[in-house]
Amino acid sequence: MMTDDDMKRIKEDRGPDDLTLKIDMLTKQKEYLQSKCREAGGAILDLEFQVQTLKKDIDRLAEENSNLRIIMEGKKDESKPYLDKNRK
């Protein structure tokens, strides 16, 4: 009759070509890769959110910049009315 010690010894005596050992190693590798893929997926989602936020910020700043340029050009024209030939 086989005891628990015998079972442990048999498991430890498995060679590198043992299929159960390969299955165990591949299962562990699969679980590890799945966890890393989940981490990478989360990082990708975070980066996509940051990209969208930055795009919105760029659009907002570009519009503000454009508005300020328009305001500054208007002030330049008002300070020199003699340059405007169409004004009376």
PDB file of N, CA and C in Angstrom:
ATOM      1  N   MET A   1       0.837  -1.171   0.000  1.00  0.00           N
ATOM      2  CA  MET A   1       0.000   0.000   0.000  1.00  0.00           C
ATOM      3  C   MET A   1       0.892   1.247   0.000  1.00  0.00           C
ATOM      4  N   MET A   2       0.482   2.283  -0.767  1.00  0.00           N
ATOM      5  CA  MET A   2       1.269   3.498  -0.896  1.00  0.00           C
ATOM      6  C   MET A   2       0.862   4.500   0.178  1.00  0.00           C
ATOM      7  N   THR A   3       1.857   5.095   0.759  1.00  0.00           N
ATOM      8  CA  THR A   3       1.607   6.105   1.786  1.00  0.00           C
ATOM      9  C   THR A   3       1.782   7.501   1.170  1.00  0.00           C
ATOM     10  N   ASP A   4       1.478   8.510   1.970  1.00  0.00           N
ATOM     11  CA  ASP A   4       1.642   9.891   1.505  1.00  0.00           C
ATOM     12  C   ASP A   4       3.104  10.192   1.184  1.00  0.00           C
ATOM     13  N   ASP A   5       4.010   9.625   1.983  1.00  0.00           N
ATOM     14  CA  ASP A   5       5.434   9.832   1.717  1.00  0.00           C
ATOM     15  C   ASP A   5       5.829   9.246   0.369  1.00  0.00           C
ATOM     16  N   ASP A   6       5.268   8.090   0.029  1.00  0.00           N
ATOM     17  CA  ASP A   6       5.558   7.473  -1.257  1.00  0.00           C
ATOM     18  C   ASP A   6       5.048   8.356  -2.405  1.00  0.00           C
ATOM     19  N   MET A   7       3.876   8.926  -2.238  1.00  0.00           N
ATOM     20  CA  MET A   7       3.302   9.797  -3.272  1.00  0.00           C
ATOM     21  C   MET A   7       4.162  11.052  -3.465  1.00  0.00           C
ATOM     22  N   LYS A   8       4.643  11.638  -2.365  1.00  0.00           N
ATOM     23  CA  LYS A   8       5.507  12.810  -2.464  1.00  0.00           C
ATOM     24  C   LYS A   8       6.809  12.454  -3.177  1.00  0.00           C
ATOM     25  N   ARG A   9       7.373  11.298  -2.850  1.00  0.00           N
ATOM     26  CA  ARG A   9       8.611  10.882  -3.473  1.00  0.00           C
ATOM     27  C   ARG A   9       8.415  10.648  -4.968  1.00  0.00           C
ATOM     28  N   ILE A  10       7.294  10.094  -5.342  1.00  0.00           N
ATOM     29  CA  ILE A  10       7.016   9.848  -6.763  1.00  0.00           C
ATOM     30  C   ILE A  10       6.905  11.179  -7.503  1.00  0.00           C
ATOM     31  N   LYS A  11       6.230  12.149  -6.891  1.00  0.00           N
ATOM     32  CA  LYS A  11       6.104  13.458  -7.523  1.00  0.00           C
ATOM     33  C   LYS A  11       7.459  14.138  -7.654  1.00  0.00           C
ATOM     34  N   GLU A  12       8.297  13.960  -6.658  1.00  0.00           N
ATOM     35  CA  GLU A  12       9.616  14.580  -6.702  1.00  0.00           C
ATOM     36  C   GLU A  12      10.536  13.871  -7.688  1.00  0.00           C
ATOM     37  N   ASP A  13      10.294  12.589  -7.951  1.00  0.00           N
ATOM     38  CA  ASP A  13      11.135  11.811  -8.850  1.00  0.00           C
ATOM     39  C   ASP A  13      10.754  11.983 -10.323  1.00  0.00           C
ATOM     40  N   ARG A  14       9.764  12.817 -10.593  1.00  0.00           N
ATOM     41  CA  ARG A  14       9.349  12.988 -11.987  1.00  0.00           C
ATOM     42  C   ARG A  14      10.490  13.606 -12.785  1.00  0.00           C
ATOM     43  N   GLY A  15      10.686  13.105 -13.949  1.00  0.00           N
ATOM     44  CA  GLY A  15      11.742  13.643 -14.812  1.00  0.00           C
ATOM     45  C   GLY A  15      11.233  14.820 -15.625  1.00  0.00           C
ATOM     46  N   PRO A  16      12.132  15.425 -16.387  1.00  0.00           N
ATOM     47  CA  PRO A  16      11.736  16.594 -17.171  1.00  0.00           C
ATOM     48  C   PRO A  16      10.768  16.260 -18.310  1.00  0.00           C
ATOM     49  N   ASP A  17      10.665  15.002 -18.687  1.00  0.00           N
ATOM     50  CA  ASP A  17       9.767  14.597 -19.772  1.00  0.00           C
ATOM     51  C   ASP A  17       8.397  14.155 -19.264  1.00  0.00           C
ATOM     52  N   ASP A  18       8.166  14.261 -17.976  1.00  0.00           N
ATOM     53  CA  ASP A  18       6.892  13.845 -17.410  1.00  0.00           C
ATOM     54  C   ASP A  18       5.791  14.809 -17.867  1.00  0.00           C
ATOM     55  N   LEU A  19       4.719  14.260 -18.438  1.00  0.00           N
ATOM     56  CA  LEU A  19       3.649  15.097 -18.981  1.00  0.00           C
ATOM     57  C   LEU A  19       2.906  15.864 -17.896  1.00  0.00           C
ATOM     58  N   THR A  20       2.716  15.261 -16.735  1.00  0.00           N
ATOM     59  CA  THR A  20       2.005  15.991 -15.679  1.00  0.00           C
ATOM     60  C   THR A  20       2.816  17.199 -15.221  1.00  0.00           C
ATOM     61  N   LEU A  21       4.136  17.058 -15.209  1.00  0.00           N
ATOM     62  CA  LEU A  21       4.992  18.186 -14.844  1.00  0.00           C
ATOM     63  C   LEU A  21       4.884  19.291 -15.900  1.00  0.00           C
ATOM     64  N   LYS A  22       4.890  18.910 -17.164  1.00  0.00           N
ATOM     65  CA  LYS A  22       4.751  19.893 -18.238  1.00  0.00           C
ATOM     66  C   LYS A  22       3.392  20.589 -18.161  1.00  0.00           C
ATOM     67  N   ILE A  23       2.354  19.810 -17.899  1.00  0.00           N
ATOM     68  CA  ILE A  23       1.013  20.390 -17.782  1.00  0.00           C
ATOM     69  C   ILE A  23       0.969  21.390 -16.641  1.00  0.00           C
ATOM     70  N   ASP A  24       1.551  21.024 -15.500  1.00  0.00           N
ATOM     71  CA  ASP A  24       1.583  21.941 -14.352  1.00  0.00           C
ATOM     72  C   ASP A  24       2.345  23.217 -14.687  1.00  0.00           C
ATOM     73  N   MET A  25       3.476  23.068 -15.344  1.00  0.00           N
ATOM     74  CA  MET A  25       4.279  24.245 -15.699  1.00  0.00           C
ATOM     75  C   MET A  25       3.535  25.130 -16.690  1.00  0.00           C
ATOM     76  N   LEU A  26       2.892  24.527 -17.681  1.00  0.00           N
ATOM     77  CA  LEU A  26       2.161  25.309 -18.670  1.00  0.00           C
ATOM     78  C   LEU A  26       0.935  25.982 -18.060  1.00  0.00           C
ATOM     79  N   THR A  27       0.301  25.311 -17.114  1.00  0.00           N
ATOM     80  CA  THR A  27      -0.849  25.910 -16.433  1.00  0.00           C
ATOM     81  C   THR A  27      -0.413  27.131 -15.630  1.00  0.00           C
ATOM     82  N   LYS A  28       0.696  26.994 -14.916  1.00  0.00           N
ATOM     83  CA  LYS A  28       1.215  28.134 -14.150  1.00  0.00           C
ATOM     84  C   LYS A  28       1.621  29.271 -15.080  1.00  0.00           C
ATOM     85  N   GLN A  29       2.239  28.929 -16.210  1.00  0.00           N
ATOM     86  CA  GLN A  29       2.641  29.947 -17.171  1.00  0.00           C
ATOM     87  C   GLN A  29       1.412  30.659 -17.738  1.00  0.00           C
ATOM     88  N   LYS A  30       0.379  29.899 -18.039  1.00  0.00           N
ATOM     89  CA  LYS A  30      -0.851  30.477 -18.578  1.00  0.00           C
ATOM     90  C   LYS A  30      -1.469  31.442 -17.574  1.00  0.00           C
ATOM     91  N   GLU A  31      -1.529  31.036 -16.312  1.00  0.00           N
ATOM     92  CA  GLU A  31      -2.101  31.897 -15.272  1.00  0.00           C
ATOM     93  C   GLU A  31      -1.281  33.166 -15.100  1.00  0.00           C
ATOM     94  N   TYR A  32       0.037  33.038 -15.158  1.00  0.00           N
ATOM     95  CA  TYR A  32       0.916  34.200 -15.033  1.00  0.00           C
ATOM     96  C   TYR A  32       0.697  35.166 -16.202  1.00  0.00           C
ATOM     97  N   LEU A  33       0.659  34.607 -17.415  1.00  0.00           N
ATOM     98  CA  LEU A  33       0.460  35.451 -18.591  1.00  0.00           C
ATOM     99  C   LEU A  33      -0.911  36.115 -18.587  1.00  0.00           C
ATOM    100  N   GLN A  34      -1.925  35.405 -18.113  1.00  0.00           N
ATOM    101  CA  GLN A  34      -3.258  36.002 -18.028  1.00  0.00           C
ATOM    102  C   GLN A  34      -3.264  37.180 -17.063  1.00  0.00           C
ATOM    103  N   SER A  35      -2.594  37.031 -15.940  1.00  0.00           N
ATOM    104  CA  SER A  35      -2.567  38.131 -14.975  1.00  0.00           C
ATOM    105  C   SER A  35      -1.814  39.327 -15.546  1.00  0.00           C
ATOM    106  N   LYS A  36      -0.715  39.077 -16.261  1.00  0.00           N
ATOM    107  CA  LYS A  36       0.046  40.168 -16.873  1.00  0.00           C
ATOM    108  C   LYS A  36      -0.757  40.843 -17.985  1.00  0.00           C
ATOM    109  N   CYS A  37      -1.525  40.065 -18.735  1.00  0.00           N
ATOM    110  CA  CYS A  37      -2.377  40.643 -19.778  1.00  0.00           C
ATOM    111  C   CYS A  37      -3.466  41.519 -19.162  1.00  0.00           C
ATOM    112  N   ARG A  38      -4.022  41.089 -18.043  1.00  0.00           N
ATOM    113  CA  ARG A  38      -5.030  41.907 -17.355  1.00  0.00           C
ATOM    114  C   ARG A  38      -4.408  43.222 -16.874  1.00  0.00           C
ATOM    115  N   GLU A  39      -3.199  43.147 -16.325  1.00  0.00           N
ATOM    116  CA  GLU A  39      -2.502  44.360 -15.882  1.00  0.00           C
ATOM    117  C   GLU A  39      -2.248  45.291 -17.072  1.00  0.00           C
ATOM    118  N   ALA A  40      -1.783  44.718 -18.174  1.00  0.00           N
ATOM    119  CA  ALA A  40      -1.503  45.527 -19.362  1.00  0.00           C
ATOM    120  C   ALA A  40      -2.796  46.141 -19.905  1.00  0.00           C
ATOM    121  N   GLY A  41      -3.874  45.382 -19.877  1.00  0.00           N
ATOM    122  CA  GLY A  41      -5.167  45.906 -20.332  1.00  0.00           C
ATOM    123  C   GLY A  41      -5.609  47.085 -19.490  1.00  0.00           C
ATOM    124  N   GLY A  42      -5.420  46.989 -18.186  1.00  0.00           N
ATOM    125  CA  GLY A  42      -5.761  48.108 -17.307  1.00  0.00           C
ATOM    126  C   GLY A  42      -4.904  49.324 -17.589  1.00  0.00           C
ATOM    127  N   ALA A  43      -3.619  49.086 -17.828  1.00  0.00           N
ATOM    128  CA  ALA A  43      -2.712  50.198 -18.145  1.00  0.00           C
ATOM    129  C   ALA A  43      -3.103  50.844 -19.469  1.00  0.00           C
ATOM    130  N   ILE A  44      -3.493  50.047 -20.440  1.00  0.00           N
ATOM    131  CA  ILE A  44      -3.911  50.574 -21.740  1.00  0.00           C
ATOM    132  C   ILE A  44      -5.148  51.446 -21.576  1.00  0.00           C
ATOM    133  N   LEU A  45      -6.113  50.992 -20.791  1.00  0.00           N
ATOM    134  CA  LEU A  45      -7.326  51.782 -20.565  1.00  0.00           C
ATOM    135  C   LEU A  45      -6.994  53.102 -19.889  1.00  0.00           C
ATOM    136  N   ASP A  46      -6.092  53.070 -18.917  1.00  0.00           N
ATOM    137  CA  ASP A  46      -5.673  54.308 -18.242  1.00  0.00           C
ATOM    138  C   ASP A  46      -5.012  55.267 -19.230  1.00  0.00           C
ATOM    139  N   LEU A  47      -4.146  54.738 -20.080  1.00  0.00           N
ATOM    140  CA  LEU A  47      -3.459  55.583 -21.054  1.00  0.00           C
ATOM    141  C   LEU A  47      -4.429  56.160 -22.089  1.00  0.00           C
ATOM    142  N   GLU A  48      -5.404  55.363 -22.513  1.00  0.00           N
ATOM    143  CA  GLU A  48      -6.400  55.869 -23.457  1.00  0.00           C
ATOM    144  C   GLU A  48      -7.200  57.007 -22.824  1.00  0.00           C
ATOM    145  N   PHE A  49      -7.534  56.869 -21.553  1.00  0.00           N
ATOM    146  CA  PHE A  49      -8.254  57.927 -20.851  1.00  0.00           C
ATOM    147  C   PHE A  49      -7.392  59.193 -20.776  1.00  0.00           C
ATOM    148  N   GLN A  50      -6.109  59.021 -20.481  1.00  0.00           N
ATOM    149  CA  GLN A  50      -5.205  60.174 -20.418  1.00  0.00           C
ATOM    150  C   GLN A  50      -5.091  60.856 -21.779  1.00  0.00           C
ATOM    151  N   VAL A  51      -5.032  60.073 -22.845  1.00  0.00           N
ATOM    152  CA  VAL A  51      -4.935  60.640 -24.196  1.00  0.00           C
ATOM    153  C   VAL A  51      -6.176  61.469 -24.500  1.00  0.00           C
ATOM    154  N   GLN A  52      -7.351  60.931 -24.177  1.00  0.00           N
ATOM    155  CA  GLN A  52      -8.583  61.676 -24.433  1.00  0.00           C
ATOM    156  C   GLN A  52      -8.626  62.968 -23.625  1.00  0.00           C
ATOM    157  N   THR A  53      -8.203  62.902 -22.374  1.00  0.00           N
ATOM    158  CA  THR A  53      -8.178  64.088 -21.520  1.00  0.00           C
ATOM    159  C   THR A  53      -7.213  65.124 -22.080  1.00  0.00           C
ATOM    160  N   LEU A  54      -6.039  64.678 -22.502  1.00  0.00           N
ATOM    161  CA  LEU A  54      -5.051  65.602 -23.060  1.00  0.00           C
ATOM    162  C   LEU A  54      -5.527  66.219 -24.371  1.00  0.00           C
ATOM    163  N   LYS A  55      -6.229  65.448 -25.197  1.00  0.00           N
ATOM    164  CA  LYS A  55      -6.765  65.994 -26.441  1.00  0.00           C
ATOM    165  C   LYS A  55      -7.774  67.106 -26.146  1.00  0.00           C
ATOM    166  N   LYS A  56      -8.623  66.873 -25.146  1.00  0.00           N
ATOM    167  CA  LYS A  56      -9.595  67.897 -24.768  1.00  0.00           C
ATOM    168  C   LYS A  56      -8.886  69.145 -24.252  1.00  0.00           C
ATOM    169  N   ASP A  57      -7.853  68.951 -23.455  1.00  0.00           N
ATOM    170  CA  ASP A  57      -7.088  70.091 -22.940  1.00  0.00           C
ATOM    171  C   ASP A  57      -6.423  70.867 -24.076  1.00  0.00           C
ATOM    172  N   ILE A  58      -5.874  70.155 -25.037  1.00  0.00           N
ATOM    173  CA  ILE A  58      -5.225  70.810 -26.180  1.00  0.00           C
ATOM    174  C   ILE A  58      -6.250  71.621 -26.968  1.00  0.00           C
ATOM    175  N   ASP A  59      -7.410  71.042 -27.218  1.00  0.00           N
ATOM    176  CA  ASP A  59      -8.457  71.763 -27.944  1.00  0.00           C
ATOM    177  C   ASP A  59      -8.882  73.019 -27.189  1.00  0.00           C
ATOM    178  N   ARG A  60      -9.061  72.881 -25.882  1.00  0.00           N
ATOM    179  CA  ARG A  60      -9.482  74.017 -25.061  1.00  0.00           C
ATOM    180  C   ARG A  60      -8.417  75.116 -25.083  1.00  0.00           C
ATOM    181  N   LEU A  61      -7.160  74.736 -24.922  1.00  0.00           N
ATOM    182  CA  LEU A  61      -6.077  75.711 -24.912  1.00  0.00           C
ATOM    183  C   LEU A  61      -5.893  76.365 -26.282  1.00  0.00           C
ATOM    184  N   ALA A  62      -6.067  75.601 -27.346  1.00  0.00           N
ATOM    185  CA  ALA A  62      -5.953  76.170 -28.687  1.00  0.00           C
ATOM    186  C   ALA A  62      -7.053  77.203 -28.912  1.00  0.00           C
ATOM    187  N   GLU A  63      -8.250  76.906 -28.451  1.00  0.00           N
ATOM    188  CA  GLU A  63      -9.349  77.859 -28.594  1.00  0.00           C
ATOM    189  C   GLU A  63      -9.090  79.112 -27.759  1.00  0.00           C
ATOM    190  N   GLU A  64      -8.614  78.936 -26.537  1.00  0.00           N
ATOM    191  CA  GLU A  64      -8.292  80.091 -25.704  1.00  0.00           C
ATOM    192  C   GLU A  64      -7.192  80.927 -26.356  1.00  0.00           C
ATOM    193  N   ASN A  65      -6.187  80.289 -26.907  1.00  0.00           N
ATOM    194  CA  ASN A  65      -5.100  80.979 -27.582  1.00  0.00           C
ATOM    195  C   ASN A  65      -5.632  81.785 -28.772  1.00  0.00           C
ATOM    196  N   SER A  66      -6.500  81.164 -29.549  1.00  0.00           N
ATOM    197  CA  SER A  66      -7.095  81.835 -30.695  1.00  0.00           C
ATOM    198  C   SER A  66      -7.916  83.049 -30.250  1.00  0.00           C
ATOM    199  N   ASN A  67      -8.694  82.871 -29.207  1.00  0.00           N
ATOM    200  CA  ASN A  67      -9.512  83.978 -28.693  1.00  0.00           C
ATOM    201  C   ASN A  67      -8.629  85.119 -28.200  1.00  0.00           C
ATOM    202  N   LEU A  68      -7.568  84.800 -27.505  1.00  0.00           N
ATOM    203  CA  LEU A  68      -6.661  85.851 -27.019  1.00  0.00           C
ATOM    204  C   LEU A  68      -5.993  86.587 -28.167  1.00  0.00           C
ATOM    205  N   ARG A  69      -5.616  85.873 -29.205  1.00  0.00           N
ATOM    206  CA  ARG A  69      -5.017  86.526 -30.374  1.00  0.00           C
ATOM    207  C   ARG A  69      -5.999  87.500 -31.024  1.00  0.00           C
ATOM    208  N   ILE A  70      -7.260  87.068 -31.126  1.00  0.00           N
ATOM    209  CA  ILE A  70      -8.287  87.933 -31.706  1.00  0.00           C
ATOM    210  C   ILE A  70      -8.467  89.183 -30.849  1.00  0.00           C
ATOM    211  N   ILE A  71      -8.509  89.011 -29.547  1.00  0.00           N
ATOM    212  CA  ILE A  71      -8.677  90.147 -28.635  1.00  0.00           C
ATOM    213  C   ILE A  71      -7.482  91.091 -28.746  1.00  0.00           C
ATOM    214  N   MET A  72      -6.272  90.531 -28.779  1.00  0.00           N
ATOM    215  CA  MET A  72      -5.072  91.359 -28.852  1.00  0.00           C
ATOM    216  C   MET A  72      -5.010  92.119 -30.188  1.00  0.00           C
ATOM    217  N   GLU A  73      -5.411  91.499 -31.271  1.00  0.00           N
ATOM    218  CA  GLU A  73      -5.427  92.180 -32.568  1.00  0.00           C
ATOM    219  C   GLU A  73      -6.448  93.314 -32.554  1.00  0.00           C
ATOM    220  N   GLY A  74      -7.573  93.087 -31.908  1.00  0.00           N
ATOM    221  CA  GLY A  74      -8.603  94.128 -31.795  1.00  0.00           C
ATOM    222  C   GLY A  74      -8.096  95.309 -31.001  1.00  0.00           C
ATOM    223  N   LYS A  75      -7.350  95.057 -29.949  1.00  0.00           N
ATOM    224  CA  LYS A  75      -6.814  96.147 -29.135  1.00  0.00           C
ATOM    225  C   LYS A  75      -5.751  96.928 -29.897  1.00  0.00           C
ATOM    226  N   LYS A  76      -4.965  96.252 -30.711  1.00  0.00           N
ATOM    227  CA  LYS A  76      -3.955  96.943 -31.518  1.00  0.00           C
ATOM    228  C   LYS A  76      -4.634  97.899 -32.494  1.00  0.00           C
ATOM    229  N   ASP A  77      -5.709  97.434 -33.131  1.00  0.00           N
ATOM    230  CA  ASP A  77      -6.422  98.257 -34.105  1.00  0.00           C
ATOM    231  C   ASP A  77      -7.072  99.466 -33.428  1.00  0.00           C
ATOM    232  N   GLU A  78      -7.603  99.284 -32.220  1.00  0.00           N
ATOM    233  CA  GLU A  78      -8.258 100.382 -31.507  1.00  0.00           C
ATOM    234  C   GLU A  78      -7.249 101.424 -31.055  1.00  0.00           C
ATOM    235  N   SER A  79      -6.028 101.019 -30.759  1.00  0.00           N
ATOM    236  CA  SER A  79      -5.030 101.971 -30.282  1.00  0.00           C
ATOM    237  C   SER A  79      -4.465 102.827 -31.414  1.00  0.00           C
ATOM    238  N   LYS A  80      -4.644 102.415 -32.661  1.00  0.00           N
ATOM    239  CA  LYS A  80      -4.143 103.171 -33.815  1.00  0.00           C
ATOM    240  C   LYS A  80      -5.268 103.351 -34.841  1.00  0.00           C
ATOM    241  N   PRO A  81      -6.278 104.145 -34.513  1.00  0.00           N
ATOM    242  CA  PRO A  81      -7.413 104.290 -35.440  1.00  0.00           C
ATOM    243  C   PRO A  81      -7.036 104.994 -36.727  1.00  0.00           C
ATOM    244  N   TYR A  82      -5.954 105.733 -36.732  1.00  0.00           N
ATOM    245  CA  TYR A  82      -5.547 106.437 -37.956  1.00  0.00           C
ATOM    246  C   TYR A  82      -5.044 105.491 -39.039  1.00  0.00           C
ATOM    247  N   LEU A  83      -4.752 104.232 -38.660  1.00  0.00           N
ATOM    248  CA  LEU A  83      -4.301 103.254 -39.644  1.00  0.00           C
ATOM    249  C   LEU A  83      -5.472 102.635 -40.412  1.00  0.00           C
ATOM    250  N   ASP A  84      -6.640 102.741 -39.847  1.00  0.00           N
ATOM    251  CA  ASP A  84      -7.816 102.148 -40.466  1.00  0.00           C
ATOM    252  C   ASP A  84      -8.424 103.146 -41.433  1.00  0.00           C
ATOM    253  N   LYS A  85      -8.328 102.912 -42.710  1.00  0.00           N
ATOM    254  CA  LYS A  85      -8.831 103.831 -43.737  1.00  0.00           C
ATOM    255  C   LYS A  85     -10.347 103.805 -43.843  1.00  0.00           C
ATOM    256  N   ASN A  86     -10.978 102.732 -43.401  1.00  0.00           N
ATOM    257  CA  ASN A  86     -12.427 102.613 -43.514  1.00  0.00           C
ATOM    258  C   ASN A  86     -13.165 103.311 -42.394  1.00  0.00           C
ATOM    259  N   ARG A  87     -12.495 103.668 -41.336  1.00  0.00           N
ATOM    260  CA  ARG A  87     -13.150 104.323 -40.195  1.00  0.00           C
ATOM    261  C   ARG A  87     -13.356 105.810 -40.515  1.00  0.00           C
ATOM    262  N   LYS A  88     -14.399 106.391 -39.945  1.00  0.00           N
ATOM    263  CA  LYS A  88     -14.682 107.808 -40.158  1.00  0.00           C
ATOM    264  C   LYS A  88     -14.597 108.563 -38.877  1.00  0.00           C
TER     265      LYS A  88
END
